[in-house]
Amino acid sequence: MTDLCDESCSALPKGSNSLDQTEIADLCRQVPDWSLENDNNAIARTFSFANYYETISFANAAAWIAHQQDHHPEMIITYNRCRIEYSTHSVGGLSRNDFICACKTDRLLS
């Protein structure tokens, strides 16, 4: 099995297929701290930090990953938390790109 963190996102034109439930279940096992949301059309995780500086530093690093991969999440940033939600709008649900970015984001904390 390929490590998701070693993969790169690929362009998915509008109308491409989203992942099926079997594929989603398999990829969820590779990013176990992320939860399925929005009727299995998104994955999300809330990261907690000691202070605002750490939160913003993490958010900036996560934004850099999104920029590098050209796959951008919804982010909510508060004083000591950053919630990140990935979904692929062009497929109307989840794609492998969402899990690749989730893995790369997790790696920031390892």
PDB file of N, CA and C in Angstrom:
ATOM      1  N   MET A   1       0.844  -1.182   0.000  1.00  0.00           N
ATOM      2  CA  MET A   1       0.000   0.000   0.000  1.00  0.00           C
ATOM      3  C   MET A   1       0.889   1.245   0.000  1.00  0.00           C
ATOM      4  N   THR A   2       0.568   2.194  -0.839  1.00  0.00           N
ATOM      5  CA  THR A   2       1.313   3.439  -0.917  1.00  0.00           C
ATOM      6  C   THR A   2       0.971   4.316   0.281  1.00  0.00           C
ATOM      7  N   ASP A   3       1.989   4.977   0.834  1.00  0.00           N
ATOM      8  CA  ASP A   3       1.744   5.935   1.906  1.00  0.00           C
ATOM      9  C   ASP A   3       1.114   7.180   1.280  1.00  0.00           C
ATOM     10  N   LEU A   4      -0.058   7.524   1.748  1.00  0.00           N
ATOM     11  CA  LEU A   4      -0.758   8.698   1.208  1.00  0.00           C
ATOM     12  C   LEU A   4       0.112   9.948   1.246  1.00  0.00           C
ATOM     13  N   CYS A   5       0.935  10.064   2.275  1.00  0.00           N
ATOM     14  CA  CYS A   5       1.766  11.261   2.420  1.00  0.00           C
ATOM     15  C   CYS A   5       2.795  11.403   1.310  1.00  0.00           C
ATOM     16  N   ASP A   6       3.104  10.312   0.637  1.00  0.00           N
ATOM     17  CA  ASP A   6       4.077  10.357  -0.448  1.00  0.00           C
ATOM     18  C   ASP A   6       3.438  10.630  -1.802  1.00  0.00           C
ATOM     19  N   GLU A   7       2.122  10.690  -1.828  1.00  0.00           N
ATOM     20  CA  GLU A   7       1.408  10.952  -3.080  1.00  0.00           C
ATOM     21  C   GLU A   7       1.185  12.451  -3.251  1.00  0.00           C
ATOM     22  N   SER A   8       0.805  12.829  -4.457  1.00  0.00           N
ATOM     23  CA  SER A   8       0.426  14.212  -4.755  1.00  0.00           C
ATOM     24  C   SER A   8      -0.990  14.219  -5.302  1.00  0.00           C
ATOM     25  N   CYS A   9      -1.679  15.306  -5.059  1.00  0.00           N
ATOM     26  CA  CYS A   9      -3.038  15.444  -5.567  1.00  0.00           C
ATOM     27  C   CYS A   9      -3.021  15.559  -7.086  1.00  0.00           C
ATOM     28  N   SER A  10      -4.095  15.085  -7.691  1.00  0.00           N
ATOM     29  CA  SER A  10      -4.238  15.198  -9.140  1.00  0.00           C
ATOM     30  C   SER A  10      -5.498  15.996  -9.450  1.00  0.00           C
ATOM     31  N   ALA A  11      -5.462  16.662 -10.583  1.00  0.00           N
ATOM     32  CA  ALA A  11      -6.623  17.456 -11.004  1.00  0.00           C
ATOM     33  C   ALA A  11      -7.777  16.511 -11.312  1.00  0.00           C
ATOM     34  N   LEU A  12      -8.944  16.851 -10.809  1.00  0.00           N
ATOM     35  CA  LEU A  12     -10.146  16.059 -11.057  1.00  0.00           C
ATOM     36  C   LEU A  12     -11.190  16.962 -11.715  1.00  0.00           C
ATOM     37  N   PRO A  13     -11.417  16.788 -12.996  1.00  0.00           N
ATOM     38  CA  PRO A  13     -12.383  17.652 -13.667  1.00  0.00           C
ATOM     39  C   PRO A  13     -13.793  17.453 -13.130  1.00  0.00           C
ATOM     40  N   LYS A  14     -14.577  18.493 -13.233  1.00  0.00           N
ATOM     41  CA  LYS A  14     -15.971  18.423 -12.801  1.00  0.00           C
ATOM     42  C   LYS A  14     -16.643  17.240 -13.497  1.00  0.00           C
ATOM     43  N   GLY A  15     -17.388  16.488 -12.716  1.00  0.00           N
ATOM     44  CA  GLY A  15     -18.059  15.316 -13.255  1.00  0.00           C
ATOM     45  C   GLY A  15     -17.310  14.020 -12.993  1.00  0.00           C
ATOM     46  N   SER A  16     -16.079  14.122 -12.457  1.00  0.00           N
ATOM     47  CA  SER A  16     -15.353  12.909 -12.074  1.00  0.00           C
ATOM     48  C   SER A  16     -16.094  12.232 -10.928  1.00  0.00           C
ATOM     49  N   ASN A  17     -15.888  10.949 -10.789  1.00  0.00           N
ATOM     50  CA  ASN A  17     -16.569  10.191  -9.735  1.00  0.00           C
ATOM     51  C   ASN A  17     -15.936  10.424  -8.375  1.00  0.00           C
ATOM     52  N   SER A  18     -16.780  10.518  -7.365  1.00  0.00           N
ATOM     53  CA  SER A  18     -16.288  10.546  -5.986  1.00  0.00           C
ATOM     54  C   SER A  18     -15.984   9.109  -5.569  1.00  0.00           C
ATOM     55  N   LEU A  19     -15.341   8.972  -4.437  1.00  0.00           N
ATOM     56  CA  LEU A  19     -15.009   7.639  -3.919  1.00  0.00           C
ATOM     57  C   LEU A  19     -16.271   6.909  -3.483  1.00  0.00           C
ATOM     58  N   ASP A  20     -16.250   5.585  -3.607  1.00  0.00           N
ATOM     59  CA  ASP A  20     -17.371   4.809  -3.090  1.00  0.00           C
ATOM     60  C   ASP A  20     -17.111   4.494  -1.611  1.00  0.00           C
ATOM     61  N   GLN A  21     -18.096   3.945  -0.937  1.00  0.00           N
ATOM     62  CA  GLN A  21     -18.006   3.726   0.507  1.00  0.00           C
ATOM     63  C   GLN A  21     -16.880   2.761   0.897  1.00  0.00           C
ATOM     64  N   THR A  22     -16.586   1.789   0.056  1.00  0.00           N
ATOM     65  CA  THR A  22     -15.489   0.861   0.337  1.00  0.00           C
ATOM     66  C   THR A  22     -14.153   1.578   0.281  1.00  0.00           C
ATOM     67  N   GLU A  23     -13.972   2.409  -0.735  1.00  0.00           N
ATOM     68  CA  GLU A  23     -12.734   3.182  -0.860  1.00  0.00           C
ATOM     69  C   GLU A  23     -12.583   4.157   0.303  1.00  0.00           C
ATOM     70  N   ILE A  24     -13.686   4.803   0.675  1.00  0.00           N
ATOM     71  CA  ILE A  24     -13.656   5.748   1.797  1.00  0.00           C
ATOM     72  C   ILE A  24     -13.249   5.029   3.076  1.00  0.00           C
ATOM     73  N   ALA A  25     -13.838   3.871   3.341  1.00  0.00           N
ATOM     74  CA  ALA A  25     -13.524   3.116   4.560  1.00  0.00           C
ATOM     75  C   ALA A  25     -12.049   2.735   4.593  1.00  0.00           C
ATOM     76  N   ASP A  26     -11.495   2.308   3.460  1.00  0.00           N
ATOM     77  CA  ASP A  26     -10.086   1.933   3.390  1.00  0.00           C
ATOM     78  C   ASP A  26      -9.193   3.139   3.668  1.00  0.00           C
ATOM     79  N   LEU A  27      -9.493   4.273   3.068  1.00  0.00           N
ATOM     80  CA  LEU A  27      -8.660   5.469   3.251  1.00  0.00           C
ATOM     81  C   LEU A  27      -8.817   6.051   4.656  1.00  0.00           C
ATOM     82  N   CYS A  28      -9.987   5.930   5.248  1.00  0.00           N
ATOM     83  CA  CYS A  28     -10.197   6.415   6.623  1.00  0.00           C
ATOM     84  C   CYS A  28      -9.275   5.696   7.606  1.00  0.00           C
ATOM     85  N   ARG A  29      -9.004   4.427   7.354  1.00  0.00           N
ATOM     86  CA  ARG A  29      -8.092   3.680   8.236  1.00  0.00           C
ATOM     87  C   ARG A  29      -6.676   4.253   8.185  1.00  0.00           C
ATOM     88  N   GLN A  30      -6.347   4.954   7.105  1.00  0.00           N
ATOM     89  CA  GLN A  30      -5.006   5.517   6.960  1.00  0.00           C
ATOM     90  C   GLN A  30      -4.880   6.895   7.605  1.00  0.00           C
ATOM     91  N   VAL A  31      -6.001   7.526   7.917  1.00  0.00           N
ATOM     92  CA  VAL A  31      -6.002   8.817   8.633  1.00  0.00           C
ATOM     93  C   VAL A  31      -7.030   8.714   9.766  1.00  0.00           C
ATOM     94  N   PRO A  32      -6.735   7.890  10.780  1.00  0.00           N
ATOM     95  CA  PRO A  32      -7.734   7.530  11.792  1.00  0.00           C
ATOM     96  C   PRO A  32      -8.214   8.670  12.675  1.00  0.00           C
ATOM     97  N   ASP A  33      -7.494   9.769  12.739  1.00  0.00           N
ATOM     98  CA  ASP A  33      -7.924  10.890  13.586  1.00  0.00           C
ATOM     99  C   ASP A  33      -8.914  11.819  12.890  1.00  0.00           C
ATOM    100  N   TRP A  34      -9.201  11.554  11.637  1.00  0.00           N
ATOM    101  CA  TRP A  34     -10.157  12.347  10.872  1.00  0.00           C
ATOM    102  C   TRP A  34     -11.508  11.654  10.921  1.00  0.00           C
ATOM    103  N   SER A  35     -12.577  12.451  10.917  1.00  0.00           N
ATOM    104  CA  SER A  35     -13.918  11.873  10.964  1.00  0.00           C
ATOM    105  C   SER A  35     -14.683  12.216   9.693  1.00  0.00           C
ATOM    106  N   LEU A  36     -15.570  11.312   9.345  1.00  0.00           N
ATOM    107  CA  LEU A  36     -16.453  11.562   8.201  1.00  0.00           C
ATOM    108  C   LEU A  36     -17.521  12.560   8.609  1.00  0.00           C
ATOM    109  N   GLU A  37     -17.831  13.463   7.711  1.00  0.00           N
ATOM    110  CA  GLU A  37     -18.825  14.508   7.982  1.00  0.00           C
ATOM    111  C   GLU A  37     -19.719  14.677   6.756  1.00  0.00           C
ATOM    112  N   ASN A  38     -20.787  15.419   6.912  1.00  0.00           N
ATOM    113  CA  ASN A  38     -21.676  15.792   5.805  1.00  0.00           C
ATOM    114  C   ASN A  38     -22.097  14.589   4.963  1.00  0.00           C
ATOM    115  N   ASP A  39     -22.692  13.599   5.607  1.00  0.00           N
ATOM    116  CA  ASP A  39     -23.154  12.394   4.911  1.00  0.00           C
ATOM    117  C   ASP A  39     -22.045  11.713   4.120  1.00  0.00           C
ATOM    118  N   ASN A  40     -20.864  11.621   4.731  1.00  0.00           N
ATOM    119  CA  ASN A  40     -19.688  10.981   4.130  1.00  0.00           C
ATOM    120  C   ASN A  40     -19.169  11.706   2.889  1.00  0.00           C
ATOM    121  N   ASN A  41     -19.436  13.001   2.803  1.00  0.00           N
ATOM    122  CA  ASN A  41     -18.948  13.801   1.686  1.00  0.00           C
ATOM    123  C   ASN A  41     -17.773  14.687   2.067  1.00  0.00           C
ATOM    124  N   ALA A  42     -17.287  14.563   3.300  1.00  0.00           N
ATOM    125  CA  ALA A  42     -16.156  15.370   3.766  1.00  0.00           C
ATOM    126  C   ALA A  42     -15.469  14.629   4.909  1.00  0.00           C
ATOM    127  N   ILE A  43     -14.202  14.976   5.130  1.00  0.00           N
ATOM    128  CA  ILE A  43     -13.480  14.513   6.319  1.00  0.00           C
ATOM    129  C   ILE A  43     -12.998  15.748   7.067  1.00  0.00           C
ATOM    130  N   ALA A  44     -12.967  15.649   8.390  1.00  0.00           N
ATOM    131  CA  ALA A  44     -12.594  16.813   9.195  1.00  0.00           C
ATOM    132  C   ALA A  44     -11.821  16.372  10.434  1.00  0.00           C
ATOM    133  N   ARG A  45     -11.033  17.296  10.909  1.00  0.00           N
ATOM    134  CA  ARG A  45     -10.300  17.084  12.165  1.00  0.00           C
ATOM    135  C   ARG A  45     -10.085  18.432  12.825  1.00  0.00           C
ATOM    136  N   THR A  46     -10.194  18.447  14.152  1.00  0.00           N
ATOM    137  CA  THR A  46      -9.882  19.641  14.933  1.00  0.00           C
ATOM    138  C   THR A  46      -8.570  19.412  15.656  1.00  0.00           C
ATOM    139  N   PHE A  47      -7.636  20.314  15.460  1.00  0.00           N
ATOM    140  CA  PHE A  47      -6.321  20.269  16.079  1.00  0.00           C
ATOM    141  C   PHE A  47      -6.300  21.275  17.220  1.00  0.00           C
ATOM    142  N   SER A  48      -5.756  20.884  18.367  1.00  0.00           N
ATOM    143  CA  SER A  48      -5.692  21.769  19.540  1.00  0.00           C
ATOM    144  C   SER A  48      -4.248  22.146  19.835  1.00  0.00           C
ATOM    145  N   PHE A  49      -4.071  23.385  20.309  1.00  0.00           N
ATOM    146  CA  PHE A  49      -2.745  23.934  20.582  1.00  0.00           C
ATOM    147  C   PHE A  49      -2.752  24.694  21.898  1.00  0.00           C
ATOM    148  N   ALA A  50      -1.572  25.040  22.371  1.00  0.00           N
ATOM    149  CA  ALA A  50      -1.439  25.727  23.656  1.00  0.00           C
ATOM    150  C   ALA A  50      -1.806  27.197  23.580  1.00  0.00           C
ATOM    151  N   ASN A  51      -1.624  27.801  22.408  1.00  0.00           N
ATOM    152  CA  ASN A  51      -1.848  29.243  22.308  1.00  0.00           C
ATOM    153  C   ASN A  51      -2.098  29.661  20.860  1.00  0.00           C
ATOM    154  N   TYR A  52      -2.361  30.919  20.684  1.00  0.00           N
ATOM    155  CA  TYR A  52      -2.699  31.458  19.359  1.00  0.00           C
ATOM    156  C   TYR A  52      -1.524  31.354  18.393  1.00  0.00           C
ATOM    157  N   TYR A  53      -0.323  31.625  18.874  1.00  0.00           N
ATOM    158  CA  TYR A  53       0.850  31.566  18.006  1.00  0.00           C
ATOM    159  C   TYR A  53       1.018  30.169  17.408  1.00  0.00           C
ATOM    160  N   GLU A  54       0.902  29.141  18.236  1.00  0.00           N
ATOM    161  CA  GLU A  54       1.030  27.769  17.744  1.00  0.00           C
ATOM    162  C   GLU A  54      -0.094  27.438  16.763  1.00  0.00           C
ATOM    163  N   THR A  55      -1.292  27.904  17.062  1.00  0.00           N
ATOM    164  CA  THR A  55      -2.432  27.652  16.181  1.00  0.00           C
ATOM    165  C   THR A  55      -2.200  28.272  14.811  1.00  0.00           C
ATOM    166  N   ILE A  56      -1.797  29.531  14.794  1.00  0.00           N
ATOM    167  CA  ILE A  56      -1.579  30.227  13.526  1.00  0.00           C
ATOM    168  C   ILE A  56      -0.403  29.632  12.764  1.00  0.00           C
ATOM    169  N   SER A  57       0.639  29.228  13.466  1.00  0.00           N
ATOM    170  CA  SER A  57       1.783  28.581  12.812  1.00  0.00           C
ATOM    171  C   SER A  57       1.338  27.300  12.111  1.00  0.00           C
ATOM    172  N   PHE A  58       0.539  26.507  12.802  1.00  0.00           N
ATOM    173  CA  PHE A  58       0.020  25.277  12.215  1.00  0.00           C
ATOM    174  C   PHE A  58      -0.881  25.595  11.020  1.00  0.00           C
ATOM    175  N   ALA A  59      -1.781  26.554  11.184  1.00  0.00           N
ATOM    176  CA  ALA A  59      -2.703  26.913  10.097  1.00  0.00           C
ATOM    177  C   ALA A  59      -1.929  27.359   8.861  1.00  0.00           C
ATOM    178  N   ASN A  60      -0.863  28.123   9.055  1.00  0.00           N
ATOM    179  CA  ASN A  60      -0.049  28.561   7.922  1.00  0.00           C
ATOM    180  C   ASN A  60       0.639  27.382   7.244  1.00  0.00           C
ATOM    181  N   ALA A  61       1.125  26.445   8.023  1.00  0.00           N
ATOM    182  CA  ALA A  61       1.759  25.255   7.451  1.00  0.00           C
ATOM    183  C   ALA A  61       0.734  24.413   6.685  1.00  0.00           C
ATOM    184  N   ALA A  62      -0.469  24.274   7.238  1.00  0.00           N
ATOM    185  CA  ALA A  62      -1.535  23.536   6.554  1.00  0.00           C
ATOM    186  C   ALA A  62      -1.944  24.250   5.263  1.00  0.00           C
ATOM    187  N   ALA A  63      -1.969  25.576   5.312  1.00  0.00           N
ATOM    188  CA  ALA A  63      -2.292  26.350   4.104  1.00  0.00           C
ATOM    189  C   ALA A  63      -1.225  26.160   3.029  1.00  0.00           C
ATOM    190  N   TRP A  64       0.035  26.034   3.431  1.00  0.00           N
ATOM    191  CA  TRP A  64       1.115  25.801   2.469  1.00  0.00           C
ATOM    192  C   TRP A  64       0.932  24.442   1.788  1.00  0.00           C
ATOM    193  N   ILE A  65       0.552  23.425   2.556  1.00  0.00           N
ATOM    194  CA  ILE A  65       0.275  22.113   1.964  1.00  0.00           C
ATOM    195  C   ILE A  65      -0.850  22.239   0.941  1.00  0.00           C
ATOM    196  N   ALA A  66      -1.914  22.918   1.321  1.00  0.00           N
ATOM    197  CA  ALA A  66      -3.046  23.105   0.413  1.00  0.00           C
ATOM    198  C   ALA A  66      -2.611  23.819  -0.862  1.00  0.00           C
ATOM    199  N   HIS A  67      -1.769  24.820  -0.712  1.00  0.00           N
ATOM    200  CA  HIS A  67      -1.273  25.565  -1.874  1.00  0.00           C
ATOM    201  C   HIS A  67      -0.420  24.653  -2.762  1.00  0.00           C
ATOM    202  N   GLN A  68       0.505  23.908  -2.159  1.00  0.00           N
ATOM    203  CA  GLN A  68       1.370  22.999  -2.922  1.00  0.00           C
ATOM    204  C   GLN A  68       0.553  21.953  -3.675  1.00  0.00           C
ATOM    205  N   GLN A  69      -0.480  21.454  -3.050  1.00  0.00           N
ATOM    206  CA  GLN A  69      -1.293  20.384  -3.637  1.00  0.00           C
ATOM    207  C   GLN A  69      -2.437  20.925  -4.502  1.00  0.00           C
ATOM    208  N   ASP A  70      -2.643  22.230  -4.477  1.00  0.00           N
ATOM    209  CA  ASP A  70      -3.755  22.867  -5.181  1.00  0.00           C
ATOM    210  C   ASP A  70      -5.081  22.192  -4.805  1.00  0.00           C
ATOM    211  N   HIS A  71      -5.233  21.968  -3.496  1.00  0.00           N
ATOM    212  CA  HIS A  71      -6.442  21.344  -2.959  1.00  0.00           C
ATOM    213  C   HIS A  71      -6.717  22.013  -1.614  1.00  0.00           C
ATOM    214  N   HIS A  72      -7.744  22.831  -1.564  1.00  0.00           N
ATOM    215  CA  HIS A  72      -7.922  23.771  -0.458  1.00  0.00           C
ATOM    216  C   HIS A  72      -9.090  23.394   0.439  1.00  0.00           C
ATOM    217  N   PRO A  73      -8.834  23.314   1.748  1.00  0.00           N
ATOM    218  CA  PRO A  73      -9.874  22.940   2.705  1.00  0.00           C
ATOM    219  C   PRO A  73     -10.642  24.156   3.223  1.00  0.00           C
ATOM    220  N   GLU A  74     -11.690  23.846   3.938  1.00  0.00           N
ATOM    221  CA  GLU A  74     -12.347  24.837   4.779  1.00  0.00           C
ATOM    222  C   GLU A  74     -11.566  24.828   6.091  1.00  0.00           C
ATOM    223  N   MET A  75     -11.237  25.999   6.605  1.00  0.00           N
ATOM    224  CA  MET A  75     -10.507  26.076   7.870  1.00  0.00           C
ATOM    225  C   MET A  75     -11.210  27.052   8.806  1.00  0.00           C
ATOM    226  N   ILE A  76     -11.330  26.650  10.060  1.00  0.00           N
ATOM    227  CA  ILE A  76     -11.841  27.536  11.106  1.00  0.00           C
ATOM    228  C   ILE A  76     -10.750  27.629  12.159  1.00  0.00           C
ATOM    229  N   ILE A  77     -10.318  28.844  12.433  1.00  0.00           N
ATOM    230  CA  ILE A  77      -9.213  29.071  13.351  1.00  0.00           C
ATOM    231  C   ILE A  77      -9.709  29.885  14.536  1.00  0.00           C
ATOM    232  N   THR A  78      -9.443  29.374  15.743  1.00  0.00           N
ATOM    233  CA  THR A  78      -9.747  30.113  16.962  1.00  0.00           C
ATOM    234  C   THR A  78      -8.458  30.253  17.760  1.00  0.00           C
ATOM    235  N   TYR A  79      -8.548  30.728  18.959  1.00  0.00           N
ATOM    236  CA  TYR A  79      -7.358  30.983  19.771  1.00  0.00           C
ATOM    237  C   TYR A  79      -6.434  29.770  19.860  1.00  0.00           C
ATOM    238  N   ASN A  80      -7.000  28.601  20.187  1.00  0.00           N
ATOM    239  CA  ASN A  80      -6.148  27.430  20.390  1.00  0.00           C
ATOM    240  C   ASN A  80      -6.630  26.191  19.634  1.00  0.00           C
ATOM    241  N   ARG A  81      -7.398  26.405  18.576  1.00  0.00           N
ATOM    242  CA  ARG A  81      -7.878  25.290  17.758  1.00  0.00           C
ATOM    243  C   ARG A  81      -7.907  25.676  16.289  1.00  0.00           C
ATOM    244  N   CYS A  82      -7.696  24.657  15.466  1.00  0.00           N
ATOM    245  CA  CYS A  82      -7.830  24.821  14.020  1.00  0.00           C
ATOM    246  C   CYS A  82      -8.610  23.616  13.505  1.00  0.00           C
ATOM    247  N   ARG A  83      -9.768  23.872  12.937  1.00  0.00           N
ATOM    248  CA  ARG A  83     -10.576  22.797  12.361  1.00  0.00           C
ATOM    249  C   ARG A  83     -10.375  22.828  10.852  1.00  0.00           C
ATOM    250  N   ILE A  84     -10.048  21.675  10.284  1.00  0.00           N
ATOM    251  CA  ILE A  84      -9.818  21.561   8.848  1.00  0.00           C
ATOM    252  C   ILE A  84     -10.800  20.541   8.292  1.00  0.00           C
ATOM    253  N   GLU A  85     -11.457  20.909   7.203  1.00  0.00           N
ATOM    254  CA  GLU A  85     -12.403  20.012   6.542  1.00  0.00           C
ATOM    255  C   GLU A  85     -12.064  19.946   5.059  1.00  0.00           C
ATOM    256  N   TYR A  86     -11.872  18.721   4.586  1.00  0.00           N
ATOM    257  CA  TYR A  86     -11.591  18.492   3.169  1.00  0.00           C
ATOM    258  C   TYR A  86     -12.773  17.828   2.488  1.00  0.00           C
ATOM    259  N   SER A  87     -13.049  18.287   1.280  1.00  0.00           N
ATOM    260  CA  SER A  87     -14.036  17.707   0.388  1.00  0.00           C
ATOM    261  C   SER A  87     -13.644  18.153  -1.016  1.00  0.00           C
ATOM    262  N   THR A  88     -13.993  17.375  -2.004  1.00  0.00           N
ATOM    263  CA  THR A  88     -13.642  17.735  -3.382  1.00  0.00           C
ATOM    264  C   THR A  88     -14.897  18.204  -4.104  1.00  0.00           C
ATOM    265  N   HIS A  89     -14.993  19.497  -4.276  1.00  0.00           N
ATOM    266  CA  HIS A  89     -16.203  20.083  -4.865  1.00  0.00           C
ATOM    267  C   HIS A  89     -16.449  19.602  -6.284  1.00  0.00           C
ATOM    268  N   SER A  90     -15.389  19.389  -7.060  1.00  0.00           N
ATOM    269  CA  SER A  90     -15.574  19.004  -8.465  1.00  0.00           C
ATOM    270  C   SER A  90     -16.189  17.609  -8.612  1.00  0.00           C
ATOM    271  N   VAL A  91     -16.080  16.770  -7.576  1.00  0.00           N
ATOM    272  CA  VAL A  91     -16.694  15.442  -7.643  1.00  0.00           C
ATOM    273  C   VAL A  91     -17.931  15.339  -6.758  1.00  0.00           C
ATOM    274  N   GLY A  92     -18.213  16.387  -6.017  1.00  0.00           N
ATOM    275  CA  GLY A  92     -19.390  16.386  -5.161  1.00  0.00           C
ATOM    276  C   GLY A  92     -19.285  15.432  -3.987  1.00  0.00           C
ATOM    277  N   GLY A  93     -18.083  15.257  -3.468  1.00  0.00           N
ATOM    278  CA  GLY A  93     -17.879  14.353  -2.334  1.00  0.00           C
ATOM    279  C   GLY A  93     -16.405  14.201  -2.045  1.00  0.00           C
ATOM    280  N   LEU A  94     -16.030  12.999  -1.659  1.00  0.00           N
ATOM    281  CA  LEU A  94     -14.642  12.735  -1.303  1.00  0.00           C
ATOM    282  C   LEU A  94     -13.852  12.149  -2.466  1.00  0.00           C
ATOM    283  N   SER A  95     -12.603  12.569  -2.550  1.00  0.00           N
ATOM    284  CA  SER A  95     -11.660  12.006  -3.519  1.00  0.00           C
ATOM    285  C   SER A  95     -10.397  11.606  -2.769  1.00  0.00           C
ATOM    286  N   ARG A  96      -9.529  10.893  -3.434  1.00  0.00           N
ATOM    287  CA  ARG A  96      -8.251  10.517  -2.836  1.00  0.00           C
ATOM    288  C   ARG A  96      -7.476  11.766  -2.420  1.00  0.00           C
ATOM    289  N   ASN A  97      -7.640  12.869  -3.144  1.00  0.00           N
ATOM    290  CA  ASN A  97      -6.951  14.120  -2.819  1.00  0.00           C
ATOM    291  C   ASN A  97      -7.224  14.561  -1.383  1.00  0.00           C
ATOM    292  N   ASP A  98      -8.441  14.380  -0.914  1.00  0.00           N
ATOM    293  CA  ASP A  98      -8.788  14.779   0.452  1.00  0.00           C
ATOM    294  C   ASP A  98      -7.956  14.007   1.471  1.00  0.00           C
ATOM    295  N   PHE A  99      -7.787  12.727   1.242  1.00  0.00           N
ATOM    296  CA  PHE A  99      -7.035  11.878   2.164  1.00  0.00           C
ATOM    297  C   PHE A  99      -5.534  12.129   2.064  1.00  0.00           C
ATOM    298  N   ILE A 100      -5.051  12.438   0.878  1.00  0.00           N
ATOM    299  CA  ILE A 100      -3.638  12.787   0.706  1.00  0.00           C
ATOM    300  C   ILE A 100      -3.329  14.035   1.532  1.00  0.00           C
ATOM    301  N   CYS A 101      -4.168  15.051   1.421  1.00  0.00           N
ATOM    302  CA  CYS A 101      -3.929  16.293   2.172  1.00  0.00           C
ATOM    303  C   CYS A 101      -4.104  16.086   3.670  1.00  0.00           C
ATOM    304  N   ALA A 102      -5.048  15.246   4.067  1.00  0.00           N
ATOM    305  CA  ALA A 102      -5.221  14.941   5.494  1.00  0.00           C
ATOM    306  C   ALA A 102      -3.953  14.286   6.038  1.00  0.00           C
ATOM    307  N   CYS A 103      -3.393  13.349   5.308  1.00  0.00           N
ATOM    308  CA  CYS A 103      -2.169  12.673   5.739  1.00  0.00           C
ATOM    309  C   CYS A 103      -1.013  13.669   5.849  1.00  0.00           C
ATOM    310  N   LYS A 104      -0.870  14.509   4.856  1.00  0.00           N
ATOM    311  CA  LYS A 104       0.216  15.493   4.874  1.00  0.00           C
ATOM    312  C   LYS A 104       0.033  16.470   6.035  1.00  0.00           C
ATOM    313  N   THR A 105      -1.197  16.824   6.341  1.00  0.00           N
ATOM    314  CA  THR A 105      -1.476  17.720   7.463  1.00  0.00           C
ATOM    315  C   THR A 105      -1.136  17.043   8.776  1.00  0.00           C
ATOM    316  N   ASP A 106      -1.535  15.787   8.925  1.00  0.00           N
ATOM    317  CA  ASP A 106      -1.177  15.031  10.134  1.00  0.00           C
ATOM    318  C   ASP A 106       0.344  14.987  10.339  1.00  0.00           C
ATOM    319  N   ARG A 107       1.065  14.840   9.256  1.00  0.00           N
ATOM    320  CA  ARG A 107       2.520  14.712   9.326  1.00  0.00           C
ATOM    321  C   ARG A 107       3.169  15.988   9.931  1.00  0.00           C
ATOM    322  N   LEU A 108       2.481  17.104   9.862  1.00  0.00           N
ATOM    323  CA  LEU A 108       3.011  18.333  10.458  1.00  0.00           C
ATOM    324  C   LEU A 108       3.264  18.177  11.952  1.00  0.00           C
ATOM    325  N   LEU A 109       2.496  17.301  12.587  1.00  0.00           N
ATOM    326  CA  LEU A 109       2.576  17.140  14.038  1.00  0.00           C
ATOM    327  C   LEU A 109       3.445  15.964  14.467  1.00  0.00           C
ATOM    328  N   SER A 110       4.037  15.286  13.511  1.00  0.00           N
ATOM    329  CA  SER A 110       4.854  14.128  13.898  1.00  0.00           C
ATOM    330  C   SER A 110       6.334  14.469  13.945  1.00  0.00           C
TER     331      SER A 110
END
